[in-house]
Amino acid sequence: MKIIHTSDWHLGCSLFGRKRYEETEKFLDWLSELLEQENIDVLLVAGDIFDTTTPSNRAQKLYYQFLHRVAQSSCRHVVITAGNHDSPSFLNAPRELLRYLQVYIVGSMEENPDDEVLLLKNPEGEAELIICAVPYLRDRDIRKVEAGESVEDKGRKLVEGISSHYAQVAEAALSIQASLEKPVPIVAMGHLWAVGGKTIEGDGVRELYPGALAQVGANIFPLLFDYVALGHLHTFQTVVGRQDCCYSGAPLPMGFGEASREKKVIQVELAGTGARITPVTVPLFQALQGINGDWQQIEAQLEELKSKQQNTWVEIIYEGAEIISDLREKVDEAVAGTNIDVLRIGNKSQWERELSLLGKGEALAELHPQEVFGRCLDAYEVEESQRPDLLRLHNEIVDSLDIEDWMAE
């Protein structure tokens, strides 16, 4: 059996307001070709198909066009489970129709865990693979709320609920396997956060449960699973303690922190000796680059980038000590007439100054606007002679916005 494992497509996602449909379409075209070239039997997509629970028409079109294309290919089966970004009801709505195309959808935890266990057969009708298609397990599905429970109790119950669910689907898979004339491999799917799982700043990974509870260990996956295909974390990695439990990661870099990292899908070959796992590099469809430093460093990096003559999306974080009031204008002038598209400009020194305005235990919402402005004047060391005019202008703006009424609300 040859399998491709992928996850976290986030169809319809944006990066600082820029929609990424073209990148996604190129990835799906590439994936379709990979399935054909490698003669893949099964495609597993482990959650977060869409970026939101109400995907746009264009995102839906990309999804259904891809499934139609795969149904006409040599890939015999597609198994899709929901992630925390997905709407279970939206994914499940067409699943009875999609079954005729050998596309299997599990949008939410089933009342009977046996219904999440799929027996896939070859064209001759012979059993070839068992899939425990476990979707994202929501808190309300796996944990009973009790009065007075602590945060630790809540976390423990979540882990116990997840572990119990995998034990139940494993038992159902073993029962199916025992009924067959010859044993076939068992593969599990999941959308969760395993202990030791790595993320990158700005990659968009959300906590699945409040307070980062229910990070599970490799021990929740019974050893009878020949491979575990996971989703949620956006970087390719294996689960600590189990080399056969893998996150494929998102196929597109979800933030500038991932700009220099290769993205992967995972090819899995199942034979009598177990799972042979081969990460496959996804081509880069849209170049991203983060630029940090003072103005001289930023300018030098932009010049180097311009020499490549490549269509690049850029994030710039200014870290210089000098206050530059026209930073946006300077950047626009530096990239004018090039293929460089600056999606975001941040001023780290300004952020640090703003954070320094707050004392220990203070919250910005608790301070009056005049007090915040006064602290800003101090932080930026504005001369005393300039302050009366600035205060007058500030007060006029505050009065025009009815800030007092707004704060009272």
Protein backbone atom coordinates (compact mmCIF):
# COMPACT_ATOMS: atom_id res chain seq x y z
CA MET A 1 0.00 0.00 0.00
CA LYS A 2 1.23 3.47 -0.87
CA ILE A 3 -0.21 6.39 1.07
CA ILE A 4 0.17 10.16 0.96
CA HIS A 5 -0.48 11.90 4.28
CA THR A 6 -1.16 15.64 4.32
CA SER A 7 -3.07 18.06 6.53
CA ASP A 8 -3.77 21.69 7.39
CA TRP A 9 -4.54 23.00 3.90
CA HIS A 10 -6.46 25.95 5.38
CA LEU A 11 -8.25 26.61 2.09
CA GLY A 12 -9.25 30.27 1.94
CA CYS A 13 -6.58 31.47 4.36
CA SER A 14 -5.01 34.93 4.23
CA LEU A 15 -1.64 36.37 5.15
CA PHE A 16 -1.99 39.93 6.46
CA GLY A 17 -5.08 40.44 4.31
CA ARG A 18 -3.69 38.80 1.16
CA LYS A 19 -5.76 35.80 0.02
CA ARG A 20 -3.77 32.74 -0.96
CA TYR A 21 -6.04 31.02 -3.47
CA GLU A 22 -3.45 30.93 -6.25
CA GLU A 23 -0.85 29.27 -4.03
CA THR A 24 -3.40 26.74 -2.81
CA GLU A 25 -4.52 25.91 -6.32
CA LYS A 26 -0.92 25.30 -7.41
CA PHE A 27 -0.38 23.04 -4.40
CA LEU A 28 -3.48 20.98 -5.17
CA ASP A 29 -2.41 20.67 -8.82
CA TRP A 30 1.03 19.51 -7.68
CA LEU A 31 -0.51 17.04 -5.20
CA SER A 32 -2.76 15.58 -7.91
CA GLU A 33 0.25 15.01 -10.13
CA LEU A 34 2.21 13.44 -7.25
CA LEU A 35 -0.59 10.93 -6.63
CA GLU A 36 -0.42 9.87 -10.27
CA GLN A 37 3.36 9.83 -10.59
CA GLU A 38 3.89 7.75 -7.45
CA ASN A 39 0.88 5.49 -8.12
CA ILE A 40 -0.56 6.29 -4.68
CA ASP A 41 -3.40 4.09 -3.40
CA VAL A 42 -4.74 6.21 -0.52
CA LEU A 43 -4.72 9.93 0.32
CA LEU A 44 -5.16 10.88 3.99
CA VAL A 45 -6.00 14.49 4.93
CA ALA A 46 -5.81 14.93 8.71
CA GLY A 47 -7.92 18.00 9.40
CA ASP A 48 -8.11 21.76 8.89
CA ILE A 49 -9.20 21.44 5.30
CA PHE A 50 -10.61 24.95 5.40
CA ASP A 51 -9.41 27.98 7.31
CA THR A 52 -12.85 28.89 8.67
CA THR A 53 -16.13 27.15 9.41
CA THR A 54 -17.80 29.19 6.65
CA PRO A 55 -15.46 28.79 3.66
CA SER A 56 -15.82 31.05 0.66
CA ASN A 57 -17.25 29.85 -2.64
CA ARG A 58 -13.77 29.92 -4.16
CA ALA A 59 -12.33 27.77 -1.36
CA GLN A 60 -15.16 25.26 -1.80
CA LYS A 61 -14.59 25.18 -5.55
CA LEU A 62 -10.91 24.33 -5.07
CA TYR A 63 -11.87 21.54 -2.67
CA TYR A 64 -14.48 19.87 -4.87
CA GLN A 65 -12.47 20.27 -8.06
CA PHE A 66 -9.56 18.53 -6.38
CA LEU A 67 -11.72 15.64 -5.12
CA HIS A 68 -13.22 15.20 -8.58
CA ARG A 69 -9.77 15.10 -10.14
CA VAL A 70 -8.46 12.56 -7.62
CA ALA A 71 -11.53 10.34 -8.12
CA GLN A 72 -10.52 10.02 -11.77
CA SER A 73 -6.90 9.20 -10.94
CA SER A 74 -5.12 6.00 -9.92
CA CYS A 75 -5.59 6.94 -6.24
CA ARG A 76 -8.38 4.63 -5.12
CA HIS A 77 -9.36 6.12 -1.77
CA VAL A 78 -9.41 9.52 -0.05
CA VAL A 79 -10.02 9.79 3.72
CA ILE A 80 -10.66 13.25 5.17
CA THR A 81 -11.12 14.08 8.84
CA ALA A 82 -12.10 17.43 10.34
CA GLY A 83 -9.77 19.72 12.27
CA ASN A 84 -10.50 22.43 14.81
CA HIS A 85 -10.88 25.04 12.03
CA ASP A 86 -13.46 22.99 10.13
CA SER A 87 -17.24 22.91 10.43
CA PRO A 88 -18.21 19.26 11.10
CA SER A 89 -21.67 19.74 9.59
CA PHE A 90 -20.26 21.44 6.48
CA LEU A 91 -17.75 18.65 5.84
CA ASN A 92 -20.29 15.91 6.57
CA ALA A 93 -23.09 17.33 4.40
CA PRO A 94 -22.02 15.69 1.09
CA ARG A 95 -20.33 12.62 2.55
CA GLU A 96 -22.91 10.04 1.42
CA LEU A 97 -22.54 11.32 -2.14
CA LEU A 98 -18.75 11.45 -1.92
CA ARG A 99 -18.62 7.81 -0.81
CA TYR A 100 -19.56 6.85 -4.38
CA LEU A 101 -16.25 8.46 -5.39
CA GLN A 102 -14.40 6.48 -2.68
CA VAL A 103 -14.00 9.70 -0.65
CA TYR A 104 -14.67 9.12 3.05
CA ILE A 105 -15.45 12.05 5.36
CA VAL A 106 -15.48 12.02 9.17
CA GLY A 107 -16.43 15.51 10.33
CA SER A 108 -17.02 14.84 14.02
CA MET A 109 -16.77 12.13 16.64
CA GLU A 110 -19.35 9.45 15.93
CA GLU A 111 -21.74 8.19 18.62
CA ASN A 112 -20.45 4.70 17.91
CA PRO A 113 -16.62 4.68 17.60
CA ASP A 114 -16.93 1.71 15.20
CA ASP A 115 -18.31 4.15 12.60
CA GLU A 116 -14.94 5.90 12.47
CA VAL A 117 -13.22 2.67 11.40
CA LEU A 118 -13.08 2.14 7.64
CA LEU A 119 -12.24 -1.04 5.76
CA LEU A 120 -10.81 -0.15 2.37
CA LYS A 121 -10.87 -2.72 -0.43
CA ASN A 122 -9.01 -3.08 -3.73
CA PRO A 123 -10.77 -3.27 -7.14
CA GLU A 124 -11.13 -7.04 -6.71
CA GLY A 125 -13.08 -6.52 -3.48
CA GLU A 126 -10.28 -7.75 -1.23
CA ALA A 127 -9.55 -5.95 2.05
CA GLU A 128 -6.31 -3.95 1.85
CA LEU A 129 -6.29 -1.38 4.66
CA ILE A 130 -8.11 -0.44 7.88
CA ILE A 131 -8.31 3.27 8.74
CA CYS A 132 -9.21 4.61 12.19
CA ALA A 133 -10.39 7.99 10.92
CA VAL A 134 -10.46 10.00 14.15
CA PRO A 135 -11.33 13.70 13.70
CA TYR A 136 -10.60 16.58 16.05
CA LEU A 137 -12.16 15.56 19.36
CA ARG A 138 -14.02 18.47 20.88
CA ASP A 139 -14.06 19.08 24.61
CA ARG A 140 -17.82 18.55 24.87
CA ASP A 141 -17.53 15.16 23.13
CA ILE A 142 -14.92 13.58 25.39
CA ARG A 143 -15.19 15.24 28.80
CA LYS A 144 -18.04 15.43 31.30
CA VAL A 145 -18.10 18.78 33.10
CA GLU A 146 -18.35 18.59 36.89
CA ALA A 147 -18.81 21.40 39.39
CA GLY A 148 -15.73 22.45 41.30
CA GLU A 149 -13.20 20.67 39.13
CA SER A 150 -9.73 22.20 38.91
CA VAL A 151 -7.74 23.07 35.81
CA GLU A 152 -5.64 19.95 36.45
CA ASP A 153 -8.80 17.82 36.66
CA LYS A 154 -10.02 19.24 33.37
CA GLY A 155 -6.71 18.50 31.64
CA ARG A 156 -6.56 14.98 33.03
CA LYS A 157 -10.12 14.23 31.86
CA LEU A 158 -9.39 15.54 28.38
CA VAL A 159 -6.35 13.29 28.02
CA GLU A 160 -8.29 10.34 29.44
CA GLY A 161 -11.14 11.00 27.01
CA ILE A 162 -8.82 11.15 24.00
CA SER A 163 -6.96 8.02 25.12
CA SER A 164 -10.21 6.13 25.71
CA HIS A 165 -11.49 7.05 22.26
CA TYR A 166 -8.35 5.77 20.53
CA ALA A 167 -8.57 2.57 22.57
CA GLN A 168 -12.14 2.05 21.38
CA VAL A 169 -11.40 2.58 17.68
CA ALA A 170 -8.33 0.32 18.01
CA GLU A 171 -10.52 -2.42 19.47
CA ALA A 172 -12.97 -2.03 16.57
CA ALA A 173 -10.11 -2.18 14.06
CA LEU A 174 -8.74 -5.36 15.67
CA SER A 175 -12.19 -6.94 15.49
CA ILE A 176 -12.38 -6.21 11.75
CA GLN A 177 -8.84 -7.45 11.20
CA ALA A 178 -9.62 -10.73 13.03
CA SER A 179 -12.56 -11.36 10.71
CA LEU A 180 -10.40 -11.20 7.56
CA GLU A 181 -8.77 -14.15 5.83
CA LYS A 182 -5.40 -12.43 6.05
CA PRO A 183 -4.26 -9.48 8.21
CA VAL A 184 -4.08 -6.03 6.67
CA PRO A 185 -2.32 -2.89 8.04
CA ILE A 186 -4.09 -0.55 10.44
CA VAL A 187 -3.55 3.21 10.14
CA ALA A 188 -4.93 5.85 12.53
CA MET A 189 -5.57 9.54 11.97
CA GLY A 190 -5.83 12.41 14.44
CA HIS A 191 -5.95 16.16 14.86
CA LEU A 192 -4.36 17.01 18.19
CA TRP A 193 -1.31 18.41 19.93
CA ALA A 194 1.18 15.80 21.12
CA VAL A 195 3.61 16.41 23.96
CA GLY A 196 6.85 17.88 22.64
CA GLY A 197 5.21 19.11 19.45
CA LYS A 198 7.04 22.11 18.01
CA THR A 199 5.55 25.32 16.65
CA ILE A 200 7.10 28.44 15.13
CA GLU A 201 6.20 32.00 16.07
CA GLY A 202 3.56 33.32 13.71
CA ASP A 203 2.65 29.95 12.17
CA GLY A 204 -1.00 30.33 13.17
CA VAL A 205 -1.33 27.20 15.31
CA ARG A 206 -4.09 27.66 17.89
CA GLU A 207 -4.52 26.04 21.28
CA LEU A 208 -7.03 23.22 20.92
CA TYR A 209 -8.28 23.52 24.48
CA PRO A 210 -8.13 26.48 26.89
CA GLY A 211 -4.83 26.80 28.70
CA ALA A 212 -2.96 24.42 26.38
CA LEU A 213 -4.59 21.44 28.08
CA ALA A 214 -4.70 17.94 26.61
CA GLN A 215 -1.30 17.69 25.00
CA VAL A 216 -1.18 13.93 24.71
CA GLY A 217 1.73 11.53 24.77
CA ALA A 218 2.64 8.86 22.23
CA ASN A 219 1.28 6.22 24.63
CA ILE A 220 -2.32 7.06 23.71
CA PHE A 221 -1.77 5.44 20.29
CA PRO A 222 -1.95 1.64 20.60
CA LEU A 223 1.08 -0.15 19.17
CA LEU A 224 -1.15 -2.09 16.76
CA PHE A 225 -1.28 1.04 14.55
CA ASP A 226 1.20 0.62 11.71
CA TYR A 227 1.18 4.38 11.12
CA VAL A 228 -0.48 7.43 12.71
CA ALA A 229 -1.23 10.39 10.42
CA LEU A 230 -1.59 13.59 12.45
CA GLY A 231 -2.66 17.14 11.76
CA HIS A 232 -2.77 20.48 13.62
CA LEU A 233 0.91 21.39 13.99
CA HIS A 234 2.15 23.18 10.89
CA THR A 235 5.73 21.88 10.83
CA PHE A 236 6.73 18.39 9.68
CA GLN A 237 7.79 16.33 12.72
CA THR A 238 7.44 13.00 14.46
CA VAL A 239 5.88 12.48 17.87
CA VAL A 240 8.38 12.05 20.69
CA GLY A 241 8.81 8.34 21.29
CA ARG A 242 7.07 7.14 18.11
CA GLN A 243 8.77 7.47 14.73
CA ASP A 244 5.65 6.03 13.07
CA CYS A 245 3.47 8.91 14.37
CA CYS A 246 3.97 11.94 12.14
CA TYR A 247 2.71 15.44 11.53
CA SER A 248 2.90 16.26 7.83
CA GLY A 249 2.62 19.98 8.60
CA ALA A 250 0.84 22.58 6.50
CA PRO A 251 1.81 22.55 2.81
CA LEU A 252 2.07 26.35 2.68
CA PRO A 253 4.15 28.48 5.07
CA MET A 254 1.47 29.96 7.32
CA GLY A 255 3.58 32.92 8.47
CA PHE A 256 6.87 34.68 7.87
CA GLY A 257 8.47 32.67 10.66
CA GLU A 258 8.25 29.64 8.35
CA ALA A 259 9.63 31.47 5.32
CA SER A 260 12.92 29.56 5.24
CA ARG A 261 11.48 26.12 6.06
CA GLU A 262 10.69 23.44 3.50
CA LYS A 263 7.11 22.19 3.62
CA LYS A 264 6.26 18.50 3.33
CA VAL A 265 3.72 15.83 2.58
CA ILE A 266 4.53 12.29 3.74
CA GLN A 267 4.66 9.20 1.57
CA VAL A 268 4.07 5.98 3.51
CA GLU A 269 4.64 2.49 2.13
CA LEU A 270 3.12 -0.33 4.15
CA ALA A 271 4.65 -3.76 3.82
CA GLY A 272 5.19 -6.77 6.04
CA THR A 273 8.11 -5.06 7.77
CA GLY A 274 6.07 -2.03 8.85
CA ALA A 275 5.84 1.52 7.57
CA ARG A 276 8.46 3.08 5.34
CA ILE A 277 8.14 6.86 5.78
CA THR A 278 9.46 9.31 3.18
CA PRO A 279 8.89 13.09 3.51
CA VAL A 280 8.30 14.71 0.12
CA THR A 281 9.19 18.40 -0.27
CA VAL A 282 6.38 20.65 -1.48
CA PRO A 283 7.51 23.24 -4.06
CA LEU A 284 7.51 26.89 -3.00
CA PHE A 285 4.63 28.61 -4.79
CA GLN A 286 5.01 32.07 -3.26
CA ALA A 287 8.31 33.37 -1.86
CA LEU A 288 8.14 34.90 1.62
CA GLN A 289 10.89 36.77 3.45
CA GLY A 290 11.15 38.43 6.83
CA ILE A 291 13.51 41.40 7.15
CA ASN A 292 14.67 42.71 10.54
CA GLY A 293 17.12 45.38 11.67
CA ASP A 294 17.78 49.10 11.69
CA TRP A 295 17.13 51.15 8.56
CA GLN A 296 20.58 50.54 7.05
CA GLN A 297 20.18 46.78 7.49
CA ILE A 298 16.64 46.81 6.09
CA GLU A 299 17.73 48.84 3.08
CA ALA A 300 20.64 46.47 2.39
CA GLN A 301 18.40 43.39 2.60
CA LEU A 302 15.86 44.98 0.26
CA GLU A 303 18.62 45.72 -2.25
CA GLU A 304 19.77 42.11 -2.10
CA LEU A 305 16.21 40.92 -2.56
CA LYS A 306 15.70 43.24 -5.54
CA SER A 307 18.74 41.73 -7.26
CA LYS A 308 16.96 38.33 -7.31
CA GLN A 309 14.07 39.80 -9.34
CA GLN A 310 11.67 37.41 -7.66
CA ASN A 311 8.02 37.95 -6.79
CA THR A 312 8.30 38.06 -2.99
CA TRP A 313 5.98 38.90 -0.12
CA VAL A 314 7.88 40.66 2.66
CA GLU A 315 7.42 41.43 6.34
CA ILE A 316 9.65 44.19 7.73
CA ILE A 317 10.32 44.63 11.46
CA TYR A 318 12.22 47.83 12.27
CA GLU A 319 14.50 47.37 15.29
CA GLY A 320 16.54 50.58 15.20
CA ALA A 321 16.84 53.04 18.08
CA GLU A 322 16.23 56.06 15.84
CA ILE A 323 12.61 57.18 15.57
CA ILE A 324 11.56 57.13 11.89
CA SER A 325 8.17 58.76 11.46
CA ASP A 326 7.98 58.07 7.72
CA LEU A 327 9.02 54.40 7.79
CA ARG A 328 6.22 53.31 5.45
CA GLU A 329 7.11 55.99 2.92
CA LYS A 330 10.80 55.04 2.98
CA VAL A 331 9.96 51.37 2.44
CA ASP A 332 7.54 52.16 -0.41
CA GLU A 333 10.20 54.25 -2.10
CA ALA A 334 12.79 51.48 -1.71
CA VAL A 335 10.60 48.81 -3.38
CA ALA A 336 8.93 50.98 -6.04
CA GLY A 337 8.97 49.35 -9.47
CA THR A 338 10.00 45.91 -8.16
CA ASN A 339 8.28 42.54 -7.61
CA ILE A 340 8.56 43.00 -3.86
CA ASP A 341 5.21 43.28 -2.08
CA VAL A 342 5.51 44.46 1.54
CA LEU A 343 2.56 42.99 3.44
CA ARG A 344 3.46 44.26 6.87
CA ILE A 345 5.74 46.79 8.55
CA GLY A 346 6.29 46.57 12.30
CA ASN A 347 8.27 48.82 14.62
CA LYS A 348 9.79 46.76 17.41
CA SER A 349 11.24 49.74 19.24
CA GLN A 350 7.78 51.33 19.28
CA TRP A 351 6.21 48.12 20.64
CA GLU A 352 8.79 47.99 23.40
CA ARG A 353 8.15 51.63 24.29
CA GLU A 354 4.41 50.99 24.42
CA LEU A 355 4.87 47.97 26.67
CA SER A 356 7.10 50.03 28.95
CA LEU A 357 4.18 52.40 29.58
CA LEU A 358 2.50 49.81 31.77
CA GLY A 359 3.51 49.19 35.34
CA LYS A 360 3.40 45.82 37.05
CA GLY A 361 -0.15 44.54 37.28
CA GLU A 362 -1.56 47.32 35.08
CA ALA A 363 -3.79 46.78 32.06
CA LEU A 364 -4.05 49.29 29.24
CA ALA A 365 -7.84 49.26 29.39
CA GLU A 366 -7.72 50.48 33.00
CA LEU A 367 -5.81 53.69 32.17
CA HIS A 368 -7.44 56.95 31.10
CA PRO A 369 -6.39 58.12 27.60
CA GLN A 370 -4.81 61.28 29.05
CA GLU A 371 -2.65 59.22 31.38
CA VAL A 372 -1.56 56.95 28.53
CA PHE A 373 -0.69 59.99 26.40
CA GLY A 374 1.30 61.52 29.24
CA ARG A 375 3.32 58.35 29.59
CA CYS A 376 3.92 58.33 25.84
CA LEU A 377 5.34 61.84 26.05
CA ASP A 378 7.68 60.64 28.79
CA ALA A 379 8.67 57.48 26.92
CA TYR A 380 9.57 59.43 23.78
CA GLU A 381 11.32 62.14 25.85
CA VAL A 382 9.29 64.94 24.30
CA GLU A 383 10.56 68.37 25.35
CA GLU A 384 8.52 70.30 27.92
CA SER A 385 8.11 73.25 25.54
CA GLN A 386 6.27 71.05 23.02
CA ARG A 387 3.94 69.37 25.45
CA PRO A 388 1.20 72.02 25.95
CA ASP A 389 0.30 72.10 22.24
CA LEU A 390 0.42 68.33 21.97
CA LEU A 391 -1.78 67.92 25.03
CA ARG A 392 -4.29 70.41 23.65
CA LEU A 393 -4.50 68.57 20.33
CA HIS A 394 -4.78 65.24 22.10
CA ASN A 395 -7.65 66.47 24.29
CA GLU A 396 -9.51 67.83 21.25
CA ILE A 397 -9.28 64.43 19.59
CA VAL A 398 -10.43 62.61 22.73
CA ASP A 399 -13.41 64.99 23.10
CA SER A 400 -14.44 64.48 19.48
CA LEU A 401 -14.45 60.68 19.94
CA ASP A 402 -16.55 60.69 23.14
CA ILE A 403 -13.90 58.53 24.82
CA GLU A 404 -15.47 59.00 28.25
CA ASP A 405 -18.75 57.44 27.09
CA TRP A 406 -16.86 54.67 25.32
CA MET A 407 -14.86 53.78 28.44
CA ALA A 408 -18.01 53.78 30.56
CA GLU A 409 -19.57 51.22 28.22
